[in-house]
C-alpha atoms as a PDB file:
ATOM      1  CA  MET A   1      36.657  15.333 -73.186  1.00  0.00           C
ATOM      2  CA  SER A   2      33.328  16.805 -72.190  1.00  0.00           C
ATOM      3  CA  SER A   3      32.810  18.504 -68.852  1.00  0.00           C
ATOM      4  CA  ASP A   4      30.691  15.568 -67.730  1.00  0.00           C
ATOM      5  CA  ASP A   5      33.529  13.135 -68.510  1.00  0.00           C
ATOM      6  CA  GLN A   6      36.031  15.303 -66.633  1.00  0.00           C
ATOM      7  CA  GLU A   7      33.781  15.404 -63.566  1.00  0.00           C
ATOM      8  CA  CYS A   8      33.419  11.608 -63.692  1.00  0.00           C
ATOM      9  CA  VAL A   9      37.225  11.152 -63.766  1.00  0.00           C
ATOM     10  CA  ILE A  10      37.638  13.484 -60.792  1.00  0.00           C
ATOM     11  CA  LEU A  11      35.022  11.561 -58.776  1.00  0.00           C
ATOM     12  CA  LYS A  12      36.737   8.257 -59.560  1.00  0.00           C
ATOM     13  CA  LYS A  13      40.095   9.623 -58.389  1.00  0.00           C
ATOM     14  CA  GLN A  14      38.515  10.888 -55.156  1.00  0.00           C
ATOM     15  CA  PHE A  15      36.872   7.520 -54.570  1.00  0.00           C
ATOM     16  CA  ILE A  16      40.170   5.663 -55.118  1.00  0.00           C
ATOM     17  CA  MET A  17      41.981   8.008 -52.753  1.00  0.00           C
ATOM     18  CA  ALA A  18      39.306   7.468 -50.119  1.00  0.00           C
ATOM     19  CA  LEU A  19      39.660   3.718 -50.417  1.00  0.00           C
ATOM     20  CA  SER A  20      43.410   4.021 -50.097  1.00  0.00           C
ATOM     21  CA  SER A  21      43.069   6.093 -46.961  1.00  0.00           C
ATOM     22  CA  ILE A  22      40.760   3.518 -45.411  1.00  0.00           C
ATOM     23  CA  GLY A  23      43.220   0.756 -46.266  1.00  0.00           C
ATOM     24  CA  ILE A  24      46.127   2.628 -44.734  1.00  0.00           C
ATOM     25  CA  LEU A  25      44.080   3.349 -41.586  1.00  0.00           C
ATOM     26  CA  SER A  26      43.053  -0.288 -41.402  1.00  0.00           C
ATOM     27  CA  VAL A  27      46.655  -1.451 -41.616  1.00  0.00           C
ATOM     28  CA  GLY A  28      47.646   1.007 -38.900  1.00  0.00           C
ATOM     29  CA  ILE A  29      44.960  -0.178 -36.534  1.00  0.00           C
ATOM     30  CA  SER A  30      45.708  -3.835 -37.156  1.00  0.00           C
ATOM     31  CA  HIS A  31      49.327  -3.131 -36.311  1.00  0.00           C
ATOM     32  CA  GLU A  32      48.350  -1.523 -33.023  1.00  0.00           C
ATOM     33  CA  THR A  33      46.386  -4.475 -31.638  1.00  0.00           C
ATOM     34  CA  SER A  34      46.707  -8.207 -31.918  1.00  0.00           C
ATOM     35  CA  ALA A  35      44.309 -10.360 -33.903  1.00  0.00           C
ATOM     36  CA  HIS A  36      42.320 -11.038 -30.728  1.00  0.00           C
ATOM     37  CA  GLU A  37      42.754  -7.487 -29.386  1.00  0.00           C
ATOM     38  CA  GLN A  38      44.627  -8.835 -26.350  1.00  0.00           C
ATOM     39  CA  THR A  39      47.550  -6.404 -26.541  1.00  0.00           C
ATOM     40  CA  TYR A  40      48.110  -2.856 -27.698  1.00  0.00           C
ATOM     41  CA  LYS A  41      51.382  -1.203 -28.768  1.00  0.00           C
ATOM     42  CA  VAL A  42      51.714   2.342 -27.502  1.00  0.00           C
ATOM     43  CA  GLN A  43      52.084   5.003 -30.222  1.00  0.00           C
ATOM     44  CA  ALA A  44      53.050   8.684 -30.205  1.00  0.00           C
ATOM     45  CA  GLY A  45      50.384  10.798 -28.545  1.00  0.00           C
ATOM     46  CA  ASP A  46      48.870   7.895 -26.593  1.00  0.00           C
ATOM     47  CA  SER A  47      47.843   8.084 -22.952  1.00  0.00           C
ATOM     48  CA  LEU A  48      46.304   5.499 -20.676  1.00  0.00           C
ATOM     49  CA  TRP A  49      43.060   7.434 -20.709  1.00  0.00           C
ATOM     50  CA  LYS A  50      42.979   7.480 -24.523  1.00  0.00           C
ATOM     51  CA  ILE A  51      43.802   3.767 -24.775  1.00  0.00           C
ATOM     52  CA  SER A  52      41.265   2.770 -22.106  1.00  0.00           C
ATOM     53  CA  SER A  53      38.509   4.827 -23.742  1.00  0.00           C
ATOM     54  CA  SER A  54      39.100   3.307 -27.172  1.00  0.00           C
ATOM     55  CA  HIS A  55      39.012  -0.233 -25.776  1.00  0.00           C
ATOM     56  CA  HIS A  56      36.106   0.201 -23.373  1.00  0.00           C
ATOM     57  CA  LEU A  57      38.269  -0.251 -20.288  1.00  0.00           C
ATOM     58  CA  THR A  58      39.143   1.905 -17.312  1.00  0.00           C
ATOM     59  CA  VAL A  59      42.583   3.346 -16.618  1.00  0.00           C
ATOM     60  CA  GLU A  60      42.598   1.342 -13.361  1.00  0.00           C
ATOM     61  CA  GLN A  61      42.018  -1.918 -15.251  1.00  0.00           C
ATOM     62  CA  ILE A  62      44.928  -1.283 -17.613  1.00  0.00           C
ATOM     63  CA  LEU A  63      47.131  -0.402 -14.652  1.00  0.00           C
ATOM     64  CA  GLN A  64      46.166  -3.639 -12.907  1.00  0.00           C
ATOM     65  CA  TYR A  65      46.357  -5.852 -16.000  1.00  0.00           C
ATOM     66  CA  ASN A  66      49.898  -4.627 -16.648  1.00  0.00           C
ATOM     67  CA  HIS A  67      51.060  -4.264 -13.033  1.00  0.00           C
ATOM     68  CA  LEU A  68      51.730  -0.557 -13.537  1.00  0.00           C
ATOM     69  CA  THR A  69      52.297   1.653 -10.524  1.00  0.00           C
ATOM     70  CA  SER A  70      51.882   4.919 -12.464  1.00  0.00           C
ATOM     71  CA  SER A  71      50.233   6.188 -15.654  1.00  0.00           C
ATOM     72  CA  SER A  72      53.593   6.640 -17.432  1.00  0.00           C
ATOM     73  CA  ILE A  73      53.885   4.716 -20.720  1.00  0.00           C
ATOM     74  CA  TYR A  74      56.324   4.861 -23.636  1.00  0.00           C
ATOM     75  CA  ILE A  75      56.160   4.485 -27.412  1.00  0.00           C
ATOM     76  CA  GLY A  76      56.410   0.849 -28.458  1.00  0.00           C
ATOM     77  CA  GLN A  77      55.320  -0.500 -25.055  1.00  0.00           C
ATOM     78  CA  GLU A  78      52.944  -3.450 -25.338  1.00  0.00           C
ATOM     79  CA  LEU A  79      49.988  -3.327 -22.996  1.00  0.00           C
ATOM     80  CA  SER A  80      47.692  -6.212 -22.122  1.00  0.00           C
ATOM     81  CA  LEU A  81      44.015  -5.451 -22.632  1.00  0.00           C
ATOM     82  CA  LEU A  82      42.813  -8.585 -20.846  1.00  0.00           C
ATOM     83  CA  GLU A  83      42.849  -9.634 -17.228  1.00  0.00           C
ATOM     84  CA  PRO A  84      45.955 -11.736 -16.491  1.00  0.00           C
ATOM     85  CA  HIS A  85      45.605 -15.432 -17.383  1.00  0.00           C
ATOM     86  CA  SER A  86      42.130 -14.926 -18.882  1.00  0.00           C
ATOM     87  CA  HIS A  87      43.362 -15.383 -22.477  1.00  0.00           C
ATOM     88  CA  GLY A  88      40.009 -14.645 -23.954  1.00  0.00           C
ATOM     89  CA  GLY A  89      38.159 -16.841 -21.451  1.00  0.00           C
ATOM     90  CA  LYS A  90      37.433 -16.794 -17.750  1.00  0.00           C
ATOM     91  CA  GLN A  91      39.695 -18.827 -15.497  1.00  0.00           C
ATOM     92  CA  PRO A  92      37.818 -20.816 -12.839  1.00  0.00           C
ATOM     93  CA  ILE A  93      38.106 -19.131  -9.480  1.00  0.00           C
ATOM     94  CA  ASP A  94      37.207 -19.931  -5.910  1.00  0.00           C
ATOM     95  CA  LEU A  95      36.284 -17.537  -3.157  1.00  0.00           C
ATOM     96  CA  TYR A  96      38.321 -17.356   0.020  1.00  0.00           C
ATOM     97  CA  THR A  97      37.339 -15.591   3.257  1.00  0.00           C
ATOM     98  CA  VAL A  98      40.227 -13.927   5.063  1.00  0.00           C
ATOM     99  CA  LYS A  99      40.878 -15.295   8.556  1.00  0.00           C
ATOM    100  CA  SER A 100      42.895 -14.036  11.498  1.00  0.00           C
ATOM    101  CA  GLY A 101      46.617 -14.338  10.785  1.00  0.00           C
ATOM    102  CA  ASP A 102      46.216 -14.236   6.996  1.00  0.00           C
ATOM    103  CA  SER A 103      48.347 -12.203   4.607  1.00  0.00           C
ATOM    104  CA  LEU A 104      48.407 -12.021   0.821  1.00  0.00           C
ATOM    105  CA  SER A 105      51.762 -13.807   0.725  1.00  0.00           C
ATOM    106  CA  LEU A 106      50.425 -16.650   2.882  1.00  0.00           C
ATOM    107  CA  ILE A 107      47.268 -17.031   0.779  1.00  0.00           C
ATOM    108  CA  ALA A 108      49.339 -16.894  -2.414  1.00  0.00           C
ATOM    109  CA  LYS A 109      51.581 -19.678  -1.083  1.00  0.00           C
ATOM    110  CA  ILE A 110      48.597 -21.869  -0.168  1.00  0.00           C
ATOM    111  CA  TYR A 111      47.052 -21.438  -3.622  1.00  0.00           C
ATOM    112  CA  SER A 112      50.354 -21.715  -5.524  1.00  0.00           C
ATOM    113  CA  THR A 113      50.025 -18.247  -7.010  1.00  0.00           C
ATOM    114  CA  THR A 114      51.642 -14.852  -6.517  1.00  0.00           C
ATOM    115  CA  VAL A 115      50.773 -11.776  -4.505  1.00  0.00           C
ATOM    116  CA  THR A 116      50.754  -9.790  -7.758  1.00  0.00           C
ATOM    117  CA  GLU A 117      48.162 -12.098  -9.280  1.00  0.00           C
ATOM    118  CA  LEU A 118      45.990 -12.009  -6.169  1.00  0.00           C
ATOM    119  CA  LYS A 119      46.107  -8.216  -6.164  1.00  0.00           C
ATOM    120  CA  SER A 120      45.285  -8.148  -9.867  1.00  0.00           C
ATOM    121  CA  ILE A 121      42.251 -10.435  -9.855  1.00  0.00           C
ATOM    122  CA  ASN A 122      40.900  -8.710  -6.742  1.00  0.00           C
ATOM    123  CA  HIS A 123      41.703  -5.160  -7.929  1.00  0.00           C
ATOM    124  CA  LEU A 124      43.763  -4.426  -4.819  1.00  0.00           C
ATOM    125  CA  ASN A 125      46.030  -1.383  -4.725  1.00  0.00           C
ATOM    126  CA  SER A 126      47.945  -2.493  -1.630  1.00  0.00           C
ATOM    127  CA  ASP A 127      48.759  -5.612   0.392  1.00  0.00           C
ATOM    128  CA  THR A 128      46.239  -4.686   3.072  1.00  0.00           C
ATOM    129  CA  ILE A 129      43.458  -7.210   3.722  1.00  0.00           C
ATOM    130  CA  TYR A 130      41.014  -7.569   6.593  1.00  0.00           C
ATOM    131  CA  ILE A 131      39.326 -10.414   8.476  1.00  0.00           C
ATOM    132  CA  GLY A 132      36.073 -11.448   6.781  1.00  0.00           C
ATOM    133  CA  GLN A 133      37.096 -10.039   3.380  1.00  0.00           C
ATOM    134  CA  THR A 134      36.220 -12.280   0.412  1.00  0.00           C
ATOM    135  CA  LEU A 135      39.020 -12.764  -2.110  1.00  0.00           C
ATOM    136  CA  LYS A 136      39.082 -14.447  -5.496  1.00  0.00           C
ATOM    137  CA  VAL A 137      41.682 -17.217  -5.722  1.00  0.00           C
ATOM    138  CA  PRO A 138      42.599 -19.339  -8.765  1.00  0.00           C
ATOM    139  CA  SER A 139      40.843 -22.649  -8.305  1.00  0.00           C
ATOM    140  CA  SER A 140      42.941 -24.534 -10.834  1.00  0.00           C
ATOM    141  CA  SER A 141      46.069 -23.895  -8.810  1.00  0.00           C
ATOM    142  CA  LYS A 142      44.658 -24.587  -5.386  1.00  0.00           C
ATOM    143  CA  ILE A 143      47.128 -26.767  -3.566  1.00  0.00           C
ATOM    144  CA  ASP A 144      46.610 -30.456  -3.195  1.00  0.00           C
ATOM    145  CA  SER A 145      49.045 -30.660  -0.331  1.00  0.00           C
ATOM    146  CA  VAL A 146      47.089 -28.900   2.386  1.00  0.00           C
ATOM    147  CA  ALA A 147      47.781 -31.191   5.290  1.00  0.00           C
ATOM    148  CA  THR A 148      45.085 -33.629   6.163  1.00  0.00           C
ATOM    149  CA  PRO A 149      45.040 -33.600   9.930  1.00  0.00           C
ATOM    150  CA  THR A 150      47.129 -36.350  11.471  1.00  0.00           C
ATOM    151  CA  THR A 151      44.996 -36.738  14.511  1.00  0.00           C
ATOM    152  CA  THR A 152      45.524 -38.805  17.593  1.00  0.00           C
ATOM    153  CA  SER A 153      41.763 -38.510  17.990  1.00  0.00           C
ATOM    154  CA  THR A 154      39.036 -36.448  16.401  1.00  0.00           C
ATOM    155  CA  GLN A 155      39.851 -33.711  18.893  1.00  0.00           C
ATOM    156  CA  SER A 156      43.574 -33.159  18.332  1.00  0.00           C
ATOM    157  CA  TYR A 157      46.191 -32.562  15.634  1.00  0.00           C
ATOM    158  CA  THR A 158      49.911 -33.400  15.665  1.00  0.00           C
ATOM    159  CA  VAL A 159      52.093 -30.693  14.116  1.00  0.00           C
ATOM    160  CA  ARG A 160      54.181 -31.791  11.128  1.00  0.00           C
ATOM    161  CA  ALA A 161      57.146 -30.252   9.330  1.00  0.00           C
ATOM    162  CA  GLY A 162      56.054 -27.224   7.317  1.00  0.00           C
ATOM    163  CA  ASP A 163      52.908 -26.637   9.346  1.00  0.00           C
ATOM    164  CA  THR A 164      51.776 -23.205  10.466  1.00  0.00           C
ATOM    165  CA  LEU A 165      48.797 -22.290  12.614  1.00  0.00           C
ATOM    166  CA  TRP A 166      47.132 -20.789   9.561  1.00  0.00           C
ATOM    167  CA  LYS A 167      47.663 -23.941   7.484  1.00  0.00           C
ATOM    168  CA  ILE A 168      46.307 -26.137  10.279  1.00  0.00           C
ATOM    169  CA  ALA A 169      43.333 -23.809  10.733  1.00  0.00           C
ATOM    170  CA  LEU A 170      42.573 -24.011   7.010  1.00  0.00           C
ATOM    171  CA  SER A 171      42.700 -27.804   6.940  1.00  0.00           C
ATOM    172  CA  THR A 172      40.667 -28.306  10.112  1.00  0.00           C
ATOM    173  CA  GLY A 173      38.038 -25.639   9.507  1.00  0.00           C
ATOM    174  CA  ILE A 174      38.675 -23.551  12.597  1.00  0.00           C
ATOM    175  CA  SER A 175      40.297 -20.143  12.928  1.00  0.00           C
ATOM    176  CA  VAL A 176      43.814 -19.299  14.112  1.00  0.00           C
ATOM    177  CA  THR A 177      42.264 -17.377  17.011  1.00  0.00           C
ATOM    178  CA  GLN A 178      40.333 -20.478  18.090  1.00  0.00           C
ATOM    179  CA  LEU A 179      43.441 -22.671  17.821  1.00  0.00           C
ATOM    180  CA  LYS A 180      45.410 -20.280  20.002  1.00  0.00           C
ATOM    181  CA  ALA A 181      42.605 -20.048  22.560  1.00  0.00           C
ATOM    182  CA  LEU A 182      42.081 -23.823  22.719  1.00  0.00           C
ATOM    183  CA  ASN A 183      45.797 -24.380  23.263  1.00  0.00           C
ATOM    184  CA  HIS A 184      46.567 -21.318  25.420  1.00  0.00           C
ATOM    185  CA  LEU A 185      49.077 -20.023  22.854  1.00  0.00           C
ATOM    186  CA  THR A 186      50.322 -16.452  23.143  1.00  0.00           C
ATOM    187  CA  SER A 187      52.127 -16.467  19.770  1.00  0.00           C
ATOM    188  CA  ASN A 188      51.931 -18.231  16.391  1.00  0.00           C
ATOM    189  CA  THR A 189      54.974 -20.379  17.187  1.00  0.00           C
ATOM    190  CA  ILE A 190      54.448 -24.161  17.059  1.00  0.00           C
ATOM    191  CA  LYS A 191      56.873 -27.072  16.862  1.00  0.00           C
ATOM    192  CA  VAL A 192      56.925 -30.410  15.076  1.00  0.00           C
ATOM    193  CA  GLY A 193      55.316 -33.143  17.183  1.00  0.00           C
ATOM    194  CA  GLN A 194      53.280 -30.708  19.256  1.00  0.00           C
ATOM    195  CA  VAL A 195      49.724 -31.941  19.842  1.00  0.00           C
ATOM    196  CA  LEU A 196      47.101 -29.223  19.400  1.00  0.00           C
ATOM    197  CA  ASN A 197      43.574 -29.436  20.743  1.00  0.00           C
ATOM    198  CA  LEU A 198      40.938 -28.893  18.056  1.00  0.00           C
ATOM    199  CA  THR A 199      37.970 -28.835  20.419  1.00  0.00           C
ATOM    200  CA  GLU A 200      37.471 -27.599  23.923  1.00  0.00           C
ATOM    201  CA  LYS A 201      38.252 -30.304  26.413  1.00  0.00           C
ATOM    202  CA  GLN A 202      35.256 -31.279  28.437  1.00  0.00           C
ATOM    203  CA  SER A 203      36.273 -30.958  32.022  1.00  0.00           C
ATOM    204  CA  SER A 204      35.487 -34.227  33.698  1.00  0.00           C
ATOM    205  CA  GLN A 205      33.062 -33.763  36.526  1.00  0.00           C
ATOM    206  CA  PRO A 206      34.805 -34.841  39.725  1.00  0.00           C
ATOM    207  CA  THR A 207      33.105 -37.697  41.521  1.00  0.00           C
ATOM    208  CA  LEU A 208      33.121 -38.601  45.162  1.00  0.00           C
ATOM    209  CA  ASN A 209      33.815 -42.190  46.099  1.00  0.00           C
ATOM    210  CA  VAL A 210      31.322 -42.496  48.935  1.00  0.00           C
ATOM    211  CA  ASP A 211      32.661 -45.824  50.210  1.00  0.00           C
ATOM    212  CA  LYS A 212      36.180 -44.402  50.537  1.00  0.00           C
ATOM    213  CA  LEU A 213      34.764 -41.313  52.243  1.00  0.00           C
ATOM    214  CA  ILE A 214      32.959 -43.401  54.825  1.00  0.00           C
ATOM    215  CA  THR A 215      35.936 -45.710  55.341  1.00  0.00           C
ATOM    216  CA  GLU A 216      38.121 -42.677  56.016  1.00  0.00           C
ATOM    217  CA  ALA A 217      35.535 -41.171  58.364  1.00  0.00           C
ATOM    218  CA  LYS A 218      35.378 -44.347  60.467  1.00  0.00           C
ATOM    219  CA  LYS A 219      39.164 -44.338  60.996  1.00  0.00           C
ATOM    220  CA  TYR A 220      38.750 -41.523  63.502  1.00  0.00           C
ATOM    221  CA  ILE A 221      36.035 -43.018  65.693  1.00  0.00           C
ATOM    222  CA  GLY A 222      36.975 -42.268  69.295  1.00  0.00           C
ATOM    223  CA  VAL A 223      38.949 -39.062  68.510  1.00  0.00           C
ATOM    224  CA  PRO A 224      37.882 -36.587  71.225  1.00  0.00           C
ATOM    225  CA  TYR A 225      35.876 -33.463  70.645  1.00  0.00           C
ATOM    226  CA  VAL A 226      37.977 -30.297  70.777  1.00  0.00           C
ATOM    227  CA  TRP A 227      36.532 -26.815  70.337  1.00  0.00           C
ATOM    228  CA  ALA A 228      37.770 -25.467  66.962  1.00  0.00           C
ATOM    229  CA  GLY A 229      39.688 -28.713  66.459  1.00  0.00           C
ATOM    230  CA  ASN A 230      40.399 -29.789  62.880  1.00  0.00           C
ATOM    231  CA  THR A 231      43.099 -32.486  63.209  1.00  0.00           C
ATOM    232  CA  PRO A 232      43.098 -36.156  64.230  1.00  0.00           C
ATOM    233  CA  SER A 233      44.225 -35.078  67.689  1.00  0.00           C
ATOM    234  CA  GLY A 234      40.822 -33.492  68.218  1.00  0.00           C
ATOM    235  CA  PHE A 235      37.839 -32.367  66.120  1.00  0.00           C
ATOM    236  CA  ASP A 236      34.852 -30.142  66.493  1.00  0.00           C
ATOM    237  CA  CYS A 237      31.850 -31.018  64.348  1.00  0.00           C
ATOM    238  CA  SER A 238      32.620 -28.909  61.242  1.00  0.00           C
ATOM    239  CA  GLY A 239      36.405 -29.358  61.588  1.00  0.00           C
ATOM    240  CA  TYR A 240      35.877 -33.113  61.378  1.00  0.00           C
ATOM    241  CA  LEU A 241      33.736 -32.847  58.224  1.00  0.00           C
ATOM    242  CA  LYS A 242      36.157 -30.516  56.492  1.00  0.00           C
ATOM    243  CA  TYR A 243      39.113 -32.771  57.327  1.00  0.00           C
ATOM    244  CA  ILE A 244      37.405 -35.945  56.019  1.00  0.00           C
ATOM    245  CA  PHE A 245      36.250 -34.358  52.753  1.00  0.00           C
ATOM    246  CA  ASN A 246      39.724 -32.871  52.223  1.00  0.00           C
ATOM    247  CA  THR A 247      41.206 -36.383  52.288  1.00  0.00           C
ATOM    248  CA  GLN A 248      39.027 -37.146  49.245  1.00  0.00           C
ATOM    249  CA  GLY A 249      40.087 -34.024  47.366  1.00  0.00           C
ATOM    250  CA  VAL A 250      36.872 -32.130  48.108  1.00  0.00           C
ATOM    251  CA  THR A 251      36.907 -28.738  49.782  1.00  0.00           C
ATOM    252  CA  ILE A 252      33.988 -27.580  51.896  1.00  0.00           C
ATOM    253  CA  PRO A 253      33.574 -24.474  54.131  1.00  0.00           C
ATOM    254  CA  ARG A 254      34.717 -24.475  57.762  1.00  0.00           C
ATOM    255  CA  THR A 255      31.506 -23.786  59.750  1.00  0.00           C
ATOM    256  CA  VAL A 256      28.200 -25.673  59.831  1.00  0.00           C
ATOM    257  CA  ALA A 257      26.235 -22.607  58.730  1.00  0.00           C
ATOM    258  CA  THR A 258      28.447 -21.995  55.690  1.00  0.00           C
ATOM    259  CA  ILE A 259      28.473 -25.705  54.808  1.00  0.00           C
ATOM    260  CA  TRP A 260      24.660 -25.589  54.848  1.00  0.00           C
ATOM    261  CA  GLU A 261      24.652 -22.646  52.451  1.00  0.00           C
ATOM    262  CA  ALA A 262      27.210 -24.210  50.111  1.00  0.00           C
ATOM    263  CA  THR A 263      25.420 -27.541  49.682  1.00  0.00           C
ATOM    264  CA  THR A 264      22.325 -28.628  47.746  1.00  0.00           C
ATOM    265  CA  PRO A 265      19.174 -29.810  49.551  1.00  0.00           C
ATOM    266  CA  VAL A 266      17.894 -33.339  48.857  1.00  0.00           C
ATOM    267  CA  THR A 267      14.530 -34.874  49.684  1.00  0.00           C
ATOM    268  CA  SER A 268      15.984 -37.894  51.455  1.00  0.00           C
ATOM    269  CA  PRO A 269      19.632 -38.536  52.358  1.00  0.00           C
ATOM    270  CA  LYS A 270      21.893 -41.035  50.608  1.00  0.00           C
ATOM    271  CA  LYS A 271      25.201 -42.434  51.810  1.00  0.00           C
ATOM    272  CA  GLY A 272      27.790 -39.661  51.797  1.00  0.00           C
ATOM    273  CA  ASP A 273      25.272 -36.819  52.088  1.00  0.00           C
ATOM    274  CA  LEU A 274      25.400 -34.460  55.033  1.00  0.00           C
ATOM    275  CA  VAL A 275      22.643 -34.369  57.639  1.00  0.00           C
ATOM    276  CA  PHE A 276      22.030 -31.194  59.640  1.00  0.00           C
ATOM    277  CA  PHE A 277      20.585 -30.511  63.067  1.00  0.00           C
ATOM    278  CA  ALA A 278      19.577 -27.496  65.140  1.00  0.00           C
ATOM    279  CA  THR A 279      21.152 -27.959  68.576  1.00  0.00           C
ATOM    280  CA  THR A 280      21.942 -24.505  69.936  1.00  0.00           C
ATOM    281  CA  SER A 281      19.716 -22.340  67.729  1.00  0.00           C
ATOM    282  CA  GLN A 282      16.910 -22.591  65.188  1.00  0.00           C
ATOM    283  CA  GLY A 283      19.390 -22.755  62.327  1.00  0.00           C
ATOM    284  CA  PRO A 284      21.945 -25.452  61.473  1.00  0.00           C
ATOM    285  CA  SER A 285      24.503 -25.834  64.251  1.00  0.00           C
ATOM    286  CA  HIS A 286      25.575 -29.476  63.938  1.00  0.00           C
ATOM    287  CA  ALA A 287      26.146 -31.884  61.025  1.00  0.00           C
ATOM    288  CA  GLY A 288      27.455 -35.336  60.187  1.00  0.00           C
ATOM    289  CA  ILE A 289      27.919 -37.769  57.301  1.00  0.00           C
ATOM    290  CA  TYR A 290      24.974 -40.034  56.532  1.00  0.00           C
ATOM    291  CA  LEU A 291      25.892 -43.751  56.528  1.00  0.00           C
ATOM    292  CA  GLY A 292      22.525 -45.263  55.603  1.00  0.00           C
ATOM    293  CA  ASP A 293      19.905 -46.986  57.776  1.00  0.00           C
ATOM    294  CA  TYR A 294      19.318 -43.667  59.601  1.00  0.00           C
ATOM    295  CA  LYS A 295      22.842 -43.695  60.985  1.00  0.00           C
ATOM    296  CA  PHE A 296      25.342 -40.841  60.756  1.00  0.00           C
ATOM    297  CA  ILE A 297      28.942 -40.314  61.829  1.00  0.00           C
ATOM    298  CA  HIS A 298      29.916 -37.058  63.498  1.00  0.00           C
ATOM    299  CA  ALA A 299      32.040 -35.388  66.147  1.00  0.00           C
ATOM    300  CA  GLY A 300      29.675 -34.937  69.101  1.00  0.00           C
ATOM    301  CA  SER A 301      30.564 -32.497  71.872  1.00  0.00           C
ATOM    302  CA  SER A 302      30.025 -35.173  74.547  1.00  0.00           C
ATOM    303  CA  THR A 303      31.093 -38.265  72.602  1.00  0.00           C
ATOM    304  CA  GLY A 304      33.829 -37.248  70.165  1.00  0.00           C
ATOM    305  CA  VAL A 305      33.750 -38.998  66.768  1.00  0.00           C
ATOM    306  CA  THR A 306      30.999 -41.596  66.890  1.00  0.00           C
ATOM    307  CA  ILE A 307      28.155 -43.213  64.950  1.00  0.00           C
ATOM    308  CA  THR A 308      24.653 -42.258  66.110  1.00  0.00           C
ATOM    309  CA  ASP A 309      21.076 -43.240  65.253  1.00  0.00           C
ATOM    310  CA  MET A 310      19.161 -40.267  63.827  1.00  0.00           C
ATOM    311  CA  ASN A 311      15.910 -41.601  65.282  1.00  0.00           C
ATOM    312  CA  ASN A 312      16.931 -41.397  68.912  1.00  0.00           C
ATOM    313  CA  THR A 313      15.034 -39.055  71.179  1.00  0.00           C
ATOM    314  CA  TYR A 314      17.679 -36.340  71.107  1.00  0.00           C
ATOM    315  CA  TRP A 315      18.495 -36.090  67.380  1.00  0.00           C
ATOM    316  CA  LYS A 316      15.168 -36.864  65.734  1.00  0.00           C
ATOM    317  CA  PRO A 317      13.356 -33.659  66.830  1.00  0.00           C
ATOM    318  CA  ARG A 318      16.399 -31.557  66.006  1.00  0.00           C
ATOM    319  CA  TYR A 319      16.805 -32.825  62.424  1.00  0.00           C
ATOM    320  CA  LEU A 320      16.702 -30.021  59.802  1.00  0.00           C
ATOM    321  CA  GLY A 321      17.348 -31.887  56.553  1.00  0.00           C
ATOM    322  CA  ALA A 322      19.917 -33.460  54.282  1.00  0.00           C
ATOM    323  CA  ARG A 323      22.167 -31.793  51.720  1.00  0.00           C
ATOM    324  CA  LYS A 324      24.505 -32.966  48.975  1.00  0.00           C
ATOM    325  CA  VAL A 325      28.039 -31.633  48.700  1.00  0.00           C
ATOM    326  CA  ASN A 326      28.513 -29.777  45.391  1.00  0.00           C
ATOM    327  CA  MET A 327      31.437 -31.133  43.368  1.00  0.00           C
END
């Protein structure tokens, strides 16, 4: 065999050995990962850093994908290289904004998932969450049984078995804090059958029944004037007014001057308004209830409780104006 032939044989052997090495390496690699490269079996000399680098991942991702609390691994351990439940594709997700009273366990329960999964898909290292934080939640498992409010009106909700403030808040679109404030709750405790307000109750503006006021005022015609008197046995001018308004559930100040300050001026008096006069000074010192037709009822110092014409020669020049009692 010539030297050229010998060299050719040597080259062929080297080529075959190289191919064999590649084949062996290929078999080894294929054994380490699955056909879709979703899992990896730990081998001697491996570390999380080495595995993450070779699969274009971070150590943190591998820790999260496999729910590992440390970087310790062992030979033969199978590691997931994909985010849980992704299986080569992205699972539909929704976004959820953390509200007051939330916890991972509560959110997991609402979305029929686990705390571990929530922590994994949101890359959380602890159970700590904060109000306003946006979390990913699995949309395909979102519950269908979130209670539709059983309302006695559009402004209230009746608590049912299994309800919590958080669950009610989620289904009605308001926060736990708002629910507690609207219902004067000092804790998260609620009971079945309890009716919760969902909106702030509009306080009904109290109204004064003028006819009843005047009817009551006329009952005391003839009661004598008594200095500082405020009972049916004797009235002074402001004591009489305060007593009559009190019978209608309306509280006014005790003196004419303070009644003047606490009421609202009107251009012309209507039945039930107060009319004021200056009798002993330039300011308001006497008042009565306007009855209409320029008549008013009052406790006069010389007449006691009586009805008087505002246009008579004594009262007309002393008239200061009319005011409405604030309800």
